[in-house]
Each structure stands twice: as structure tokens, then as C-alpha cells.
N, C-alpha and C. Protein backbone atom coordinates (compact mmCIF):
# COMPACT_ATOMS: atom_id res chain seq x y z
N MET A 1 2.23 40.77 78.69
CA MET A 1 2.40 40.84 77.09
C MET A 1 2.92 42.00 76.15
N LYS A 2 2.47 42.92 76.42
CA LYS A 2 3.66 43.85 75.86
C LYS A 2 4.77 43.60 75.17
N ARG A 3 5.46 42.75 76.24
CA ARG A 3 7.18 42.52 76.04
C ARG A 3 6.86 41.01 74.93
N VAL A 4 5.76 40.51 75.19
CA VAL A 4 5.75 39.22 74.28
C VAL A 4 5.41 39.66 72.96
N LEU A 5 4.96 40.73 73.07
CA LEU A 5 4.44 41.11 71.24
C LEU A 5 4.95 41.47 70.30
N PRO A 6 5.77 42.11 71.01
CA PRO A 6 7.11 42.86 69.99
C PRO A 6 7.90 41.50 69.69
N VAL A 7 8.04 40.34 70.59
CA VAL A 7 8.92 39.44 70.22
C VAL A 7 8.52 38.78 69.10
N LEU A 8 6.91 38.60 68.94
CA LEU A 8 6.24 37.70 68.16
C LEU A 8 6.45 38.28 67.42
N ILE A 9 6.44 39.51 66.89
CA ILE A 9 6.32 40.02 65.93
C ILE A 9 7.66 40.04 65.10
N ALA A 10 8.49 40.47 66.01
CA ALA A 10 10.10 39.85 65.35
C ALA A 10 10.33 38.79 64.67
N ILE A 11 9.53 37.82 65.76
CA ILE A 11 10.10 36.31 65.13
C ILE A 11 9.02 36.27 63.66
N MET A 12 7.85 36.70 63.64
CA MET A 12 7.00 36.87 62.48
C MET A 12 7.91 37.20 61.06
N MET A 13 8.68 38.35 61.63
CA MET A 13 8.67 39.24 60.61
C MET A 13 10.39 38.38 59.80
N LEU A 14 11.17 37.83 61.14
CA LEU A 14 12.19 36.90 60.78
C LEU A 14 11.80 35.99 59.71
N LEU A 15 10.79 34.98 59.89
CA LEU A 15 10.08 33.75 59.10
C LEU A 15 9.82 34.20 57.79
N GLY A 16 9.41 35.55 57.89
CA GLY A 16 8.92 35.86 56.00
C GLY A 16 10.09 36.27 55.79
N LEU A 17 11.17 36.84 56.20
CA LEU A 17 12.50 37.11 55.48
C LEU A 17 12.98 35.83 55.07
N ALA A 18 13.26 34.63 56.09
CA ALA A 18 13.73 33.44 55.83
C ALA A 18 13.04 32.81 54.23
N ALA A 19 11.68 33.10 54.64
CA ALA A 19 10.73 32.52 53.18
C ALA A 19 10.80 32.91 52.18
N CYS A 20 11.00 34.89 52.20
CA CYS A 20 11.42 35.11 50.82
C CYS A 20 13.13 34.41 50.50
N GLY A 21 13.85 34.39 51.20
CA GLY A 21 15.13 34.03 50.85
C GLY A 21 15.23 32.68 50.44
N GLY A 22 14.40 31.90 50.83
CA GLY A 22 14.20 30.50 50.03
C GLY A 22 13.29 30.13 49.12
N SER A 23 12.65 31.40 48.20
CA SER A 23 12.37 31.29 46.86
C SER A 23 13.02 31.91 46.02
N ALA A 24 14.83 32.14 46.20
CA ALA A 24 15.60 32.90 45.34
C ALA A 24 16.21 31.61 44.65
N PRO A 25 16.44 30.46 44.79
CA PRO A 25 16.71 29.39 44.07
C PRO A 25 15.93 29.19 42.66
N SER A 26 14.52 29.16 43.53
CA SER A 26 13.45 29.01 42.40
C SER A 26 13.41 29.82 41.33
N ASN A 27 13.67 31.21 41.59
CA ASN A 27 14.05 32.21 40.71
C ASN A 27 15.02 32.00 39.65
N ALA A 28 16.22 31.94 40.48
CA ALA A 28 17.24 31.43 39.74
C ALA A 28 17.10 30.66 38.62
N ASP A 29 16.38 29.23 38.94
CA ASP A 29 15.75 28.24 37.88
C ASP A 29 15.57 28.43 37.01
N THR A 30 14.76 29.64 36.50
CA THR A 30 13.92 30.15 35.82
C THR A 30 15.16 30.57 34.15
N PRO A 31 16.23 31.05 34.60
CA PRO A 31 16.75 31.34 33.19
C PRO A 31 17.56 30.05 32.72
N SER A 32 17.81 29.20 33.65
CA SER A 32 17.90 28.03 33.30
C SER A 32 17.04 27.43 32.38
N GLU A 33 15.79 27.64 32.77
CA GLU A 33 14.99 26.80 32.06
C GLU A 33 14.35 27.24 30.84
N ALA A 34 14.81 29.20 30.52
CA ALA A 34 14.39 29.70 29.66
C ALA A 34 15.75 28.98 28.54
N THR A 35 16.72 29.20 29.18
CA THR A 35 18.01 28.36 28.57
C THR A 35 17.94 27.23 27.85
N GLY A 36 17.40 26.38 28.58
CA GLY A 36 16.37 24.97 28.34
C GLY A 36 15.67 24.96 26.92
N SER A 37 14.74 25.93 27.32
CA SER A 37 13.43 26.27 26.22
C SER A 37 14.36 26.84 25.07
N SER A 38 15.12 27.77 25.17
CA SER A 38 15.62 28.44 23.68
C SER A 38 16.87 26.87 23.40
N ASN A 39 17.80 26.12 24.18
CA ASN A 39 18.25 25.04 23.54
C ASN A 39 17.27 24.48 22.85
N SER A 40 16.07 24.17 23.35
CA SER A 40 14.91 22.82 22.84
C SER A 40 14.63 23.67 21.33
N ALA A 41 14.27 24.96 21.47
CA ALA A 41 13.86 25.73 20.21
C ALA A 41 14.97 26.01 19.26
N ARG A 42 15.80 25.69 19.95
CA ARG A 42 17.17 25.60 18.75
C ARG A 42 17.24 24.51 17.83
N THR A 43 16.93 23.33 18.78
CA THR A 43 16.90 21.80 17.84
C THR A 43 16.08 21.56 17.53
N ASP A 44 14.82 22.23 17.66
CA ASP A 44 13.78 21.88 16.95
C ASP A 44 13.65 22.58 15.48
N ALA A 45 14.54 24.11 15.70
CA ALA A 45 14.52 24.82 14.50
C ALA A 45 15.68 24.05 13.44
N ASP A 46 16.86 23.33 14.01
CA ASP A 46 17.70 22.34 13.38
C ASP A 46 17.15 21.18 12.90
N THR A 47 16.47 20.66 13.67
CA THR A 47 15.48 19.48 12.82
C THR A 47 14.89 19.63 11.97
N THR A 48 13.56 21.15 12.23
CA THR A 48 12.71 21.75 11.27
C THR A 48 13.73 21.97 9.98
N ALA A 49 14.95 22.72 10.11
CA ALA A 49 15.41 22.88 9.16
C ALA A 49 16.34 21.91 8.57
N ALA A 50 16.70 20.86 8.77
CA ALA A 50 17.35 19.68 8.46
C ALA A 50 16.77 19.20 6.75
N PRO A 51 15.42 19.19 6.50
CA PRO A 51 15.05 18.67 5.58
C PRO A 51 15.25 19.46 4.57
N ASP A 52 14.76 20.80 4.86
CA ASP A 52 15.24 21.99 3.85
C ASP A 52 16.56 22.14 3.37
N ALA A 53 17.60 22.05 4.18
CA ALA A 53 19.30 21.67 3.99
C ALA A 53 19.18 20.64 3.01
N ALA A 54 18.52 19.57 3.39
CA ALA A 54 18.44 17.99 2.38
C ALA A 54 17.88 18.52 0.86
N GLN A 55 17.06 19.33 0.86
CA GLN A 55 16.67 19.96 -0.01
C GLN A 55 17.15 20.66 -1.07
N ASN A 56 18.14 21.60 -0.44
CA ASN A 56 18.85 22.67 -0.64
C ASN A 56 20.06 21.89 -1.23
N GLY A 57 20.86 20.71 -0.79
CA GLY A 57 21.94 20.06 -1.10
C GLY A 57 21.35 19.60 -2.39
N ASN A 58 19.98 18.76 -2.00
CA ASN A 58 19.75 18.11 -3.65
C ASN A 58 19.41 19.20 -4.92
N GLN A 59 18.65 20.32 -4.47
CA GLN A 59 18.75 21.47 -5.26
C GLN A 59 20.06 21.55 -6.02
N THR A 60 20.89 21.84 -5.21
CA THR A 60 22.25 22.41 -5.81
C THR A 60 23.01 21.32 -6.64
N ALA A 61 22.89 19.49 -5.76
CA ALA A 61 23.35 18.57 -6.76
C ALA A 61 22.55 18.49 -8.05
N ALA A 62 21.05 18.73 -7.96
CA ALA A 62 20.57 18.80 -9.58
C ALA A 62 20.71 19.91 -10.09
N ALA A 63 21.09 20.82 -9.50
CA ALA A 63 21.76 22.11 -10.50
C ALA A 63 22.79 21.55 -10.97
N GLY A 64 23.93 21.23 -10.04
CA GLY A 64 25.11 21.09 -11.07
C GLY A 64 25.05 19.72 -11.69
N GLY A 65 24.21 18.99 -11.58
CA GLY A 65 24.32 17.88 -12.51
C GLY A 65 24.96 16.55 -12.41
N LYS A 66 25.02 15.91 -12.38
CA LYS A 66 25.54 14.86 -12.41
C LYS A 66 26.77 14.33 -13.49
N VAL A 67 27.74 13.54 -13.73
CA VAL A 67 28.64 13.06 -14.54
C VAL A 67 28.46 11.86 -15.58
N LEU A 68 28.48 11.37 -16.51
CA LEU A 68 28.59 10.37 -17.03
C LEU A 68 29.67 10.09 -17.78
N VAL A 69 30.17 8.74 -17.65
CA VAL A 69 31.65 8.51 -18.68
C VAL A 69 30.81 7.26 -19.72
N VAL A 70 30.71 7.47 -21.05
CA VAL A 70 30.47 6.75 -21.66
C VAL A 70 31.67 5.79 -22.58
N VAL A 71 31.90 4.76 -22.70
CA VAL A 71 32.91 4.23 -23.31
C VAL A 71 32.38 2.92 -23.87
N PHE A 72 33.05 2.84 -25.40
CA PHE A 72 33.49 1.85 -26.09
C PHE A 72 34.83 1.09 -26.26
N SER A 73 35.25 -0.16 -25.64
CA SER A 73 36.10 -0.27 -25.67
C SER A 73 36.14 -2.25 -26.31
N ALA A 74 36.52 -2.23 -27.14
CA ALA A 74 36.68 -3.43 -27.90
C ALA A 74 37.68 -4.52 -27.39
N THR A 75 39.07 -3.78 -26.84
CA THR A 75 40.08 -4.59 -26.19
C THR A 75 39.85 -4.38 -25.10
N GLY A 76 39.48 -3.57 -24.03
CA GLY A 76 39.50 -3.04 -22.72
C GLY A 76 40.80 -1.96 -22.52
N THR A 77 41.16 -1.48 -23.54
CA THR A 77 42.30 -0.07 -23.09
C THR A 77 41.58 0.87 -22.78
N THR A 78 40.73 1.25 -23.65
CA THR A 78 39.80 2.64 -23.38
C THR A 78 38.73 2.98 -22.22
N LYS A 79 38.51 1.53 -21.86
CA LYS A 79 37.64 0.89 -21.07
C LYS A 79 38.48 1.28 -19.53
N GLY A 80 39.78 1.08 -19.38
CA GLY A 80 40.50 1.19 -18.61
C GLY A 80 40.94 2.86 -18.20
N VAL A 81 41.19 3.51 -19.00
CA VAL A 81 40.84 4.81 -19.04
C VAL A 81 39.81 5.42 -18.36
N ALA A 82 38.47 4.85 -18.99
CA ALA A 82 36.89 5.60 -18.42
C ALA A 82 37.09 4.77 -17.71
N GLU A 83 37.29 4.01 -16.91
CA GLU A 83 37.25 3.70 -15.25
C GLU A 83 38.30 4.70 -14.44
N LYS A 84 38.99 5.13 -14.98
CA LYS A 84 39.88 5.86 -14.02
C LYS A 84 39.32 7.13 -14.07
N ILE A 85 38.82 8.14 -15.18
CA ILE A 85 38.05 9.27 -15.36
C ILE A 85 36.66 9.18 -14.33
N ALA A 86 36.06 8.09 -14.59
CA ALA A 86 34.54 8.06 -14.06
C ALA A 86 34.96 8.08 -12.30
N ALA A 87 36.17 7.18 -11.91
CA ALA A 87 36.42 7.14 -10.03
C ALA A 87 36.94 8.63 -10.19
N LEU A 88 37.90 9.50 -10.91
CA LEU A 88 38.01 10.70 -10.59
C LEU A 88 37.05 11.89 -10.38
N GLU A 89 35.93 11.50 -11.44
CA GLU A 89 35.05 12.65 -11.47
C GLU A 89 33.78 12.21 -10.41
N ASN A 90 34.06 10.96 -9.97
CA ASN A 90 32.63 10.37 -8.70
C ASN A 90 31.29 10.34 -9.95
N ALA A 91 31.85 9.63 -11.10
CA ALA A 91 30.78 9.18 -12.23
C ALA A 91 29.92 8.00 -12.59
N ASP A 92 29.39 8.39 -13.14
CA ASP A 92 28.52 6.70 -13.54
C ASP A 92 29.23 6.29 -14.50
N LEU A 93 29.28 5.09 -14.99
CA LEU A 93 30.17 4.79 -16.02
C LEU A 93 28.89 3.56 -17.01
N TYR A 94 29.22 3.81 -18.10
CA TYR A 94 27.81 3.02 -19.15
C TYR A 94 28.73 2.58 -19.97
N GLU A 95 28.85 1.36 -20.65
CA GLU A 95 29.97 1.19 -21.23
C GLU A 95 28.60 0.67 -22.66
N ILE A 96 29.13 0.97 -24.13
CA ILE A 96 28.84 0.71 -25.39
C ILE A 96 29.18 -0.52 -25.71
N LYS A 97 28.05 -1.35 -25.52
CA LYS A 97 28.66 -2.90 -26.37
C LYS A 97 27.92 -3.14 -27.12
N ALA A 98 28.63 -4.09 -28.19
CA ALA A 98 28.32 -4.12 -29.84
C ALA A 98 26.98 -5.23 -29.59
N ALA A 99 26.02 -5.30 -30.45
CA ALA A 99 25.40 -6.26 -30.61
C ALA A 99 25.78 -7.82 -31.17
N GLN A 100 26.83 -7.23 -32.11
CA GLN A 100 27.78 -8.04 -32.48
C GLN A 100 29.06 -8.03 -31.97
N GLU A 101 29.72 -8.77 -30.53
CA GLU A 101 31.04 -8.28 -30.52
C GLU A 101 32.02 -8.78 -31.76
N TYR A 102 32.86 -7.65 -31.42
CA TYR A 102 34.16 -7.70 -32.29
C TYR A 102 35.65 -8.96 -31.74
N THR A 103 35.29 -9.77 -32.83
CA THR A 103 36.41 -10.60 -32.42
C THR A 103 37.55 -10.27 -33.09
N SER A 104 39.07 -11.04 -33.14
CA SER A 104 40.17 -10.44 -33.27
C SER A 104 40.54 -10.17 -34.74
N ASP A 105 39.45 -11.82 -34.94
CA ASP A 105 39.54 -10.83 -36.53
C ASP A 105 38.88 -10.01 -37.06
N ASP A 106 38.17 -9.98 -36.49
CA ASP A 106 37.30 -8.38 -37.02
C ASP A 106 37.87 -7.47 -36.80
N LEU A 107 39.00 -7.57 -35.83
CA LEU A 107 39.78 -5.99 -35.53
C LEU A 107 41.01 -6.02 -36.50
N ASN A 108 41.30 -6.80 -36.99
CA ASN A 108 42.50 -7.43 -38.13
C ASN A 108 42.70 -6.29 -39.08
N TRP A 109 43.51 -4.89 -38.99
CA TRP A 109 43.37 -4.00 -39.61
C TRP A 109 44.32 -4.19 -41.21
N HIS A 110 44.69 -4.88 -40.98
CA HIS A 110 45.55 -5.73 -42.09
C HIS A 110 44.96 -6.29 -43.32
N ASP A 111 43.55 -7.02 -42.34
CA ASP A 111 42.69 -7.56 -44.05
C ASP A 111 42.18 -6.49 -44.12
N SER A 112 41.81 -6.07 -45.65
CA SER A 112 40.70 -5.16 -46.21
C SER A 112 39.24 -5.76 -46.04
N ALA A 113 39.37 -6.95 -45.99
CA ALA A 113 38.34 -7.20 -46.09
C ALA A 113 37.74 -7.58 -44.52
N SER A 114 38.00 -7.14 -43.81
CA SER A 114 37.96 -7.50 -41.94
C SER A 114 36.40 -6.77 -41.64
N ARG A 115 36.08 -6.70 -40.76
CA ARG A 115 34.76 -6.41 -40.61
C ARG A 115 34.93 -4.84 -40.38
N THR A 116 35.79 -4.53 -38.90
CA THR A 116 35.99 -3.21 -38.72
C THR A 116 36.74 -2.62 -40.11
N THR A 117 37.26 -2.54 -40.95
CA THR A 117 37.84 -2.31 -42.44
C THR A 117 37.06 -1.84 -43.14
N VAL A 118 35.64 -2.67 -43.02
CA VAL A 118 34.62 -2.25 -44.31
C VAL A 118 33.77 -1.47 -43.58
N GLU A 119 33.80 -1.37 -42.41
CA GLU A 119 32.59 -0.64 -41.37
C GLU A 119 33.12 0.86 -41.41
N GLN A 120 34.94 0.80 -41.56
CA GLN A 120 35.28 2.40 -41.17
C GLN A 120 34.88 2.84 -42.67
N ASN A 121 35.43 1.90 -43.65
CA ASN A 121 35.62 2.31 -45.09
C ASN A 121 33.94 3.09 -45.31
N ASP A 122 33.08 3.09 -44.89
CA ASP A 122 31.55 3.08 -44.88
C ASP A 122 31.00 3.90 -44.04
N LYS A 123 31.16 5.32 -44.27
CA LYS A 123 30.78 6.25 -43.37
C LYS A 123 29.14 5.91 -43.24
N SER A 124 28.59 5.77 -43.69
CA SER A 124 26.94 5.10 -43.62
C SER A 124 26.43 4.16 -42.56
N ALA A 125 27.98 3.52 -42.54
CA ALA A 125 27.81 2.05 -41.25
C ALA A 125 27.45 2.55 -40.08
N ARG A 126 26.45 1.66 -39.49
CA ARG A 126 26.08 2.15 -37.85
C ARG A 126 25.84 0.83 -37.16
N PRO A 127 27.02 -0.39 -36.73
CA PRO A 127 26.59 -1.28 -36.42
C PRO A 127 25.61 -0.96 -34.82
N GLY A 128 25.18 -2.05 -34.72
CA GLY A 128 23.82 -2.04 -33.70
C GLY A 128 24.53 -2.17 -32.15
N ILE A 129 23.81 -1.85 -30.97
CA ILE A 129 24.34 -2.03 -29.69
C ILE A 129 23.60 -2.69 -28.98
N GLY A 130 24.34 -3.47 -28.50
CA GLY A 130 23.43 -4.62 -27.59
C GLY A 130 23.46 -4.32 -25.95
N SER A 131 23.91 -3.24 -25.88
CA SER A 131 24.09 -2.43 -24.01
C SER A 131 22.46 -1.95 -24.20
N GLU A 132 21.92 -2.45 -22.73
CA GLU A 132 20.80 -1.74 -22.57
C GLU A 132 20.76 -0.04 -22.79
N SER A 133 19.57 0.59 -23.21
CA SER A 133 19.79 2.05 -23.15
C SER A 133 20.13 3.01 -22.04
N VAL A 134 20.55 4.33 -22.30
CA VAL A 134 20.92 4.83 -20.73
C VAL A 134 20.25 5.73 -20.91
N SER A 135 19.50 6.27 -19.62
CA SER A 135 18.92 7.91 -19.37
C SER A 135 20.12 8.64 -19.07
N LEU A 136 19.71 9.98 -20.07
CA LEU A 136 20.70 10.94 -19.57
C LEU A 136 20.11 11.99 -18.72
N ALA A 137 18.70 11.91 -17.85
CA ALA A 137 18.35 12.90 -17.84
C ALA A 137 19.47 13.27 -16.33
N GLY A 138 19.27 14.40 -15.94
CA GLY A 138 20.05 14.93 -14.67
C GLY A 138 21.79 14.99 -15.27
N TYR A 139 22.17 14.50 -16.32
CA TYR A 139 23.37 14.68 -16.37
C TYR A 139 24.05 16.14 -17.27
N GLU A 140 24.98 16.52 -16.36
CA GLU A 140 25.16 18.02 -16.95
C GLU A 140 26.59 18.02 -18.08
N LYS A 141 27.54 16.66 -17.45
CA LYS A 141 28.59 16.47 -18.42
C LYS A 141 28.74 14.60 -18.82
N ILE A 142 29.81 14.75 -20.04
CA ILE A 142 29.64 13.41 -20.10
C ILE A 142 30.81 13.45 -20.80
N TYR A 143 31.63 12.35 -20.56
CA TYR A 143 33.15 12.05 -21.36
C TYR A 143 32.51 10.89 -22.59
N ILE A 144 32.71 10.85 -23.44
CA ILE A 144 32.44 9.96 -24.49
C ILE A 144 34.10 9.51 -25.11
N GLY A 145 34.10 8.09 -24.60
CA GLY A 145 35.85 7.84 -25.32
C GLY A 145 35.46 6.47 -25.71
N TYR A 146 36.43 6.06 -26.83
CA TYR A 146 36.44 5.23 -28.00
C TYR A 146 38.00 5.31 -28.17
N PRO A 147 38.35 4.05 -28.86
CA PRO A 147 39.89 3.86 -28.94
C PRO A 147 39.95 4.43 -30.75
N ILE A 148 40.45 4.51 -31.80
CA ILE A 148 40.96 5.29 -32.77
C ILE A 148 41.08 4.48 -33.83
N TRP A 149 40.29 3.97 -34.54
CA TRP A 149 40.05 3.26 -36.02
C TRP A 149 40.15 3.91 -37.28
N TRP A 150 41.29 3.41 -37.91
CA TRP A 150 41.85 3.75 -39.18
C TRP A 150 41.34 5.53 -38.89
N GLY A 151 42.10 6.42 -38.08
CA GLY A 151 42.14 7.28 -37.73
C GLY A 151 41.17 8.08 -37.57
N GLU A 152 39.78 7.51 -37.36
CA GLU A 152 38.18 8.19 -36.61
C GLU A 152 37.73 7.09 -35.67
N GLU A 153 36.84 7.78 -35.27
CA GLU A 153 36.10 7.50 -33.99
C GLU A 153 35.30 5.46 -34.87
N PRO A 154 35.17 4.62 -33.96
CA PRO A 154 34.30 3.17 -34.79
C PRO A 154 32.89 3.86 -34.90
N ARG A 155 32.60 3.42 -35.88
CA ARG A 155 30.89 3.65 -36.44
C ARG A 155 29.62 3.28 -35.27
N ILE A 156 30.39 2.58 -34.58
CA ILE A 156 29.18 2.26 -33.34
C ILE A 156 29.24 3.58 -32.71
N MET A 157 30.19 4.73 -32.49
CA MET A 157 29.88 5.82 -31.75
C MET A 157 28.82 6.61 -32.79
N ASP A 158 29.15 6.32 -33.73
CA ASP A 158 28.04 7.22 -34.61
C ASP A 158 26.68 6.82 -34.47
N THR A 159 26.52 5.44 -33.97
CA THR A 159 25.17 4.74 -33.63
C THR A 159 24.80 5.71 -32.46
N PHE A 160 25.62 5.34 -31.59
CA PHE A 160 25.10 6.10 -30.32
C PHE A 160 24.96 7.51 -29.98
N VAL A 161 25.57 8.86 -30.87
CA VAL A 161 25.30 9.98 -31.04
C VAL A 161 24.10 10.05 -31.54
N GLU A 162 23.52 9.59 -32.46
CA GLU A 162 22.67 9.11 -33.47
C GLU A 162 21.38 8.81 -32.99
N SER A 163 21.46 8.44 -31.49
CA SER A 163 20.73 7.60 -30.75
C SER A 163 19.87 8.61 -29.45
N TYR A 164 20.32 9.51 -29.37
CA TYR A 164 20.61 10.06 -28.01
C TYR A 164 20.30 12.26 -28.65
N SER A 165 19.73 12.78 -27.27
CA SER A 165 20.03 14.29 -27.24
C SER A 165 20.49 14.50 -26.53
N PHE A 166 21.73 15.48 -26.51
CA PHE A 166 22.45 16.15 -25.81
C PHE A 166 22.28 17.27 -25.20
N ASP A 167 21.16 17.88 -25.42
CA ASP A 167 20.92 19.19 -25.34
C ASP A 167 21.12 19.38 -23.98
N GLY A 168 22.03 20.64 -23.81
CA GLY A 168 22.68 21.07 -22.27
C GLY A 168 23.38 20.33 -21.87
N ILE A 169 24.21 19.59 -22.76
CA ILE A 169 24.91 18.46 -21.74
C ILE A 169 26.54 18.84 -22.57
N THR A 170 27.33 18.87 -21.80
CA THR A 170 28.81 19.67 -21.88
C THR A 170 29.36 18.08 -22.24
N MET A 171 30.27 17.84 -23.65
CA MET A 171 30.03 16.48 -23.98
C MET A 171 31.70 16.74 -24.35
N ILE A 172 32.41 15.69 -23.91
CA ILE A 172 34.19 15.33 -23.69
C ILE A 172 34.30 14.34 -24.52
N PRO A 173 35.21 14.40 -25.57
CA PRO A 173 35.67 13.38 -25.93
C PRO A 173 36.80 12.73 -25.61
N PHE A 174 37.07 11.57 -25.56
CA PHE A 174 38.29 11.19 -25.52
C PHE A 174 38.85 9.66 -26.23
N CYS A 175 39.98 9.61 -26.33
CA CYS A 175 40.59 8.70 -27.11
C CYS A 175 41.52 7.78 -26.64
N THR A 176 41.89 6.47 -27.01
CA THR A 176 42.84 5.74 -26.91
C THR A 176 43.65 5.62 -28.29
N SER A 177 44.82 5.18 -28.37
CA SER A 177 45.47 5.46 -29.56
C SER A 177 47.02 4.72 -29.39
N SER A 178 47.63 3.78 -29.91
CA SER A 178 49.12 3.93 -29.60
C SER A 178 49.80 4.53 -30.55
N SER A 179 49.32 5.55 -31.20
CA SER A 179 50.12 6.45 -32.33
C SER A 179 49.12 7.77 -32.80
N SER A 180 47.79 7.16 -33.40
CA SER A 180 47.14 8.28 -33.73
C SER A 180 46.67 9.15 -33.13
N GLY A 181 46.71 10.26 -33.35
CA GLY A 181 45.93 11.53 -32.59
C GLY A 181 44.33 11.51 -32.99
N ILE A 182 43.90 12.17 -31.91
CA ILE A 182 42.47 11.97 -31.99
C ILE A 182 41.69 12.45 -33.49
N GLY A 183 42.51 13.12 -33.86
CA GLY A 183 41.92 13.83 -35.08
C GLY A 183 40.90 14.66 -34.99
N ARG A 184 39.35 14.41 -36.18
CA ARG A 184 38.32 14.89 -36.29
C ARG A 184 37.07 14.01 -35.48
N SER A 185 37.84 13.37 -34.78
CA SER A 185 36.83 12.29 -34.47
C SER A 185 35.49 13.23 -33.46
N GLY A 186 36.36 13.54 -32.99
CA GLY A 186 35.60 14.21 -31.72
C GLY A 186 34.69 14.97 -32.43
N GLN A 187 35.03 16.28 -33.90
CA GLN A 187 34.46 16.70 -34.53
C GLN A 187 33.39 16.02 -35.03
N ASN A 188 33.30 14.84 -35.47
CA ASN A 188 32.58 13.53 -36.61
C ASN A 188 31.66 13.78 -35.53
N LEU A 189 31.66 13.54 -34.44
CA LEU A 189 30.22 13.28 -33.17
C LEU A 189 29.61 14.00 -33.14
N ALA A 190 30.42 15.31 -32.91
CA ALA A 190 29.27 16.43 -32.66
C ALA A 190 28.31 16.83 -34.06
N ASP A 191 29.03 16.82 -34.75
CA ASP A 191 28.21 17.13 -36.26
C ASP A 191 27.25 15.91 -35.91
N LEU A 192 27.17 14.52 -35.94
CA LEU A 192 26.51 13.59 -36.06
C LEU A 192 25.18 13.92 -35.07
N ALA A 193 25.78 14.09 -33.60
CA ALA A 193 25.03 14.39 -32.75
C ALA A 193 23.91 15.95 -33.30
N LYS A 194 24.74 16.77 -33.37
CA LYS A 194 23.59 18.08 -33.64
C LYS A 194 23.26 18.66 -31.97
N THR A 195 23.74 18.32 -31.19
CA THR A 195 23.20 18.71 -29.69
C THR A 195 24.14 18.37 -28.67
N GLY A 196 24.16 19.35 -28.01
CA GLY A 196 25.34 18.99 -26.82
C GLY A 196 26.52 19.87 -27.18
N ASN A 197 27.02 20.58 -25.87
CA ASN A 197 28.23 21.43 -26.08
C ASN A 197 30.08 20.76 -26.23
N TRP A 198 30.14 20.57 -26.94
CA TRP A 198 31.54 19.24 -27.33
C TRP A 198 32.49 20.33 -27.51
N LEU A 199 33.38 20.20 -26.46
CA LEU A 199 34.62 20.68 -26.22
C LEU A 199 36.10 19.39 -27.07
N ASP A 200 36.81 20.05 -27.10
CA ASP A 200 37.97 19.49 -27.93
C ASP A 200 38.19 18.37 -27.12
N GLY A 201 38.78 16.86 -27.46
CA GLY A 201 39.03 15.90 -27.35
C GLY A 201 40.36 15.86 -26.93
N GLN A 202 40.61 14.57 -26.09
CA GLN A 202 42.09 14.22 -25.77
C GLN A 202 42.17 13.14 -26.02
N ARG A 203 43.66 12.91 -26.58
CA ARG A 203 43.77 11.21 -26.63
C ARG A 203 44.57 10.69 -25.70
N PHE A 204 44.66 9.72 -24.99
CA PHE A 204 45.52 8.99 -24.66
C PHE A 204 46.45 7.48 -25.39
N SER A 205 47.48 7.14 -24.45
CA SER A 205 47.57 5.67 -24.49
C SER A 205 47.29 5.39 -24.00
N GLY A 206 46.48 4.83 -22.76
CA GLY A 206 45.86 3.98 -22.19
C GLY A 206 46.75 3.52 -20.94
N SER A 207 47.92 4.34 -20.63
CA SER A 207 48.51 3.66 -19.63
C SER A 207 48.65 5.30 -18.72
N GLU A 208 48.01 6.04 -18.96
CA GLU A 208 47.99 7.02 -18.23
C GLU A 208 47.56 7.22 -16.77
N SER A 209 48.72 7.74 -15.81
CA SER A 209 48.48 7.73 -14.26
C SER A 209 46.52 8.49 -13.63
N GLU A 210 46.43 8.34 -13.02
CA GLU A 210 45.56 9.39 -12.35
C GLU A 210 45.58 10.70 -12.32
N ALA A 211 47.02 10.89 -11.81
CA ALA A 211 47.38 12.30 -11.82
C ALA A 211 47.49 12.97 -13.16
N GLU A 212 47.63 12.29 -14.10
CA GLU A 212 47.67 12.45 -15.45
C GLU A 212 46.40 13.16 -15.95
N LEU A 213 45.31 12.18 -15.56
CA LEU A 213 44.50 12.46 -15.93
C LEU A 213 43.46 13.43 -15.05
N GLN A 214 43.88 13.72 -13.85
CA GLN A 214 43.21 14.98 -13.02
C GLN A 214 43.90 16.00 -13.86
N ASP A 215 45.29 15.76 -14.03
CA ASP A 215 45.69 17.43 -14.40
C ASP A 215 44.48 17.60 -15.85
N TRP A 216 44.19 16.79 -16.90
CA TRP A 216 43.14 16.34 -18.13
C TRP A 216 42.15 17.35 -17.64
N ILE A 217 41.69 16.90 -16.72
CA ILE A 217 40.66 16.96 -16.31
C ILE A 217 40.02 18.73 -15.47
N ASP A 218 41.37 18.97 -14.64
CA ASP A 218 41.34 20.08 -14.34
C ASP A 218 41.04 21.17 -15.30
N SER A 219 42.27 20.72 -16.39
CA SER A 219 42.67 22.25 -17.45
C SER A 219 40.88 22.26 -18.28
N LEU A 220 39.99 21.30 -17.86
CA LEU A 220 38.64 21.12 -18.46
C LEU A 220 37.69 22.41 -17.96
N GLN A 221 38.66 22.94 -16.70
CA GLN A 221 37.56 23.57 -15.89
C GLN A 221 37.64 25.25 -16.36
């Protein structure tokens, strides 16, 4: 018995050591589980943060504002330029349409009795707008385009600017003409609007490329 007892004690000690050695992998898994928990925590944090990030993005967009291109175009030339600007600026486009559409006879500048000649000779003329009104909420910059008629903006543009408030909005006039410059048309609109931060306008022929228009847009920064 005296010999067997030490042997039994030795066996019991070996079994105890083996049991301790077997628990090591479980302990080793703990950091992995902790890492997993940590990853899970980061994922939850990212998920939780996502709405905030989206809100911040919306706030930035709201703070930066939107861009609108307003255009009146009796023949489509000015509208073509406006569409290019809208595409380059990722802007909304609003077309001013006359309540009574202009015909080719109306646009005959050789006829002193034509509708446009009569309107342009009467600074108080205010042709009606047929398109639905537009909300300017959220816009920080508006490009406003029109053809040059008799050296000035069409009177329907006067109707438009007198119908809205442009407080806090940067206004950028542009026009199309085969030969005449923008003249005082931009200043005329600014004087009639009485609101908005009006920049100097630019005249285009109507055939400008996107690259040329982009250069002009960049020059406004």
C-alpha cells in the first residue's frame, strides 16, 4: 500500500495538470470573443452614427444650399445654354413661359407694331407668366437667363423678378444674343427685384460648349 499510494498521488497530480492544460484554449478564445464584441460594438456605433452622418450631410447640403437655373427662351436658344449650365451645376431648371406665347410675328423686330416692339418700348409692360410659380426655398444661387431684346431684358423678366423675394440668394444673370452685349439688363433686374446679391452678368452666343460654360462658372467662385 505504501508503494501504491505514491503512485496514486502521482497519477492524480498528472490528471490535474492535464485538466489545467485543457482549459487553455477556452481562455485563449476570450480575447477573440472580446475582439468580436469590440467589432460588434464598432458596427453598432457605425450603424448608430449613420443617421447622424446623414443628418450632417443634409445639414451641409442645406447650409450649402441648392442651385436653380431660371430661363425664359422664346426660340429655344437661351434654353439650350440654360440646360447646359443646369447640368454642369447639378441644378434644378425652371422655365418661364409666357401666358400668351410669343409667335414669330410677335418677335419681328422690323415691325414697329409687333408685340415685342411695343412691350420693349414700354418699361411698365409686364407680360403675364403662364408657368406655375416656383418655390425658392433652399436655393442659395440662381442663374437667370434670357435673350436680349432691343438691348434689354424681355419685359416678362421684369414680371418675374418683381414676383419673388431673393433675400440671401446670389443672382447670376446671363443672356444670349447674336451681337448685343448684356448691357444694363442685369442691373435693371437687380433694381426691380430690390432683393438678392446680384453679380455681373454674361452674354453668350448660344453655341458655347460645356467647357466654355464651366470656365465661366469657375470664374464666379
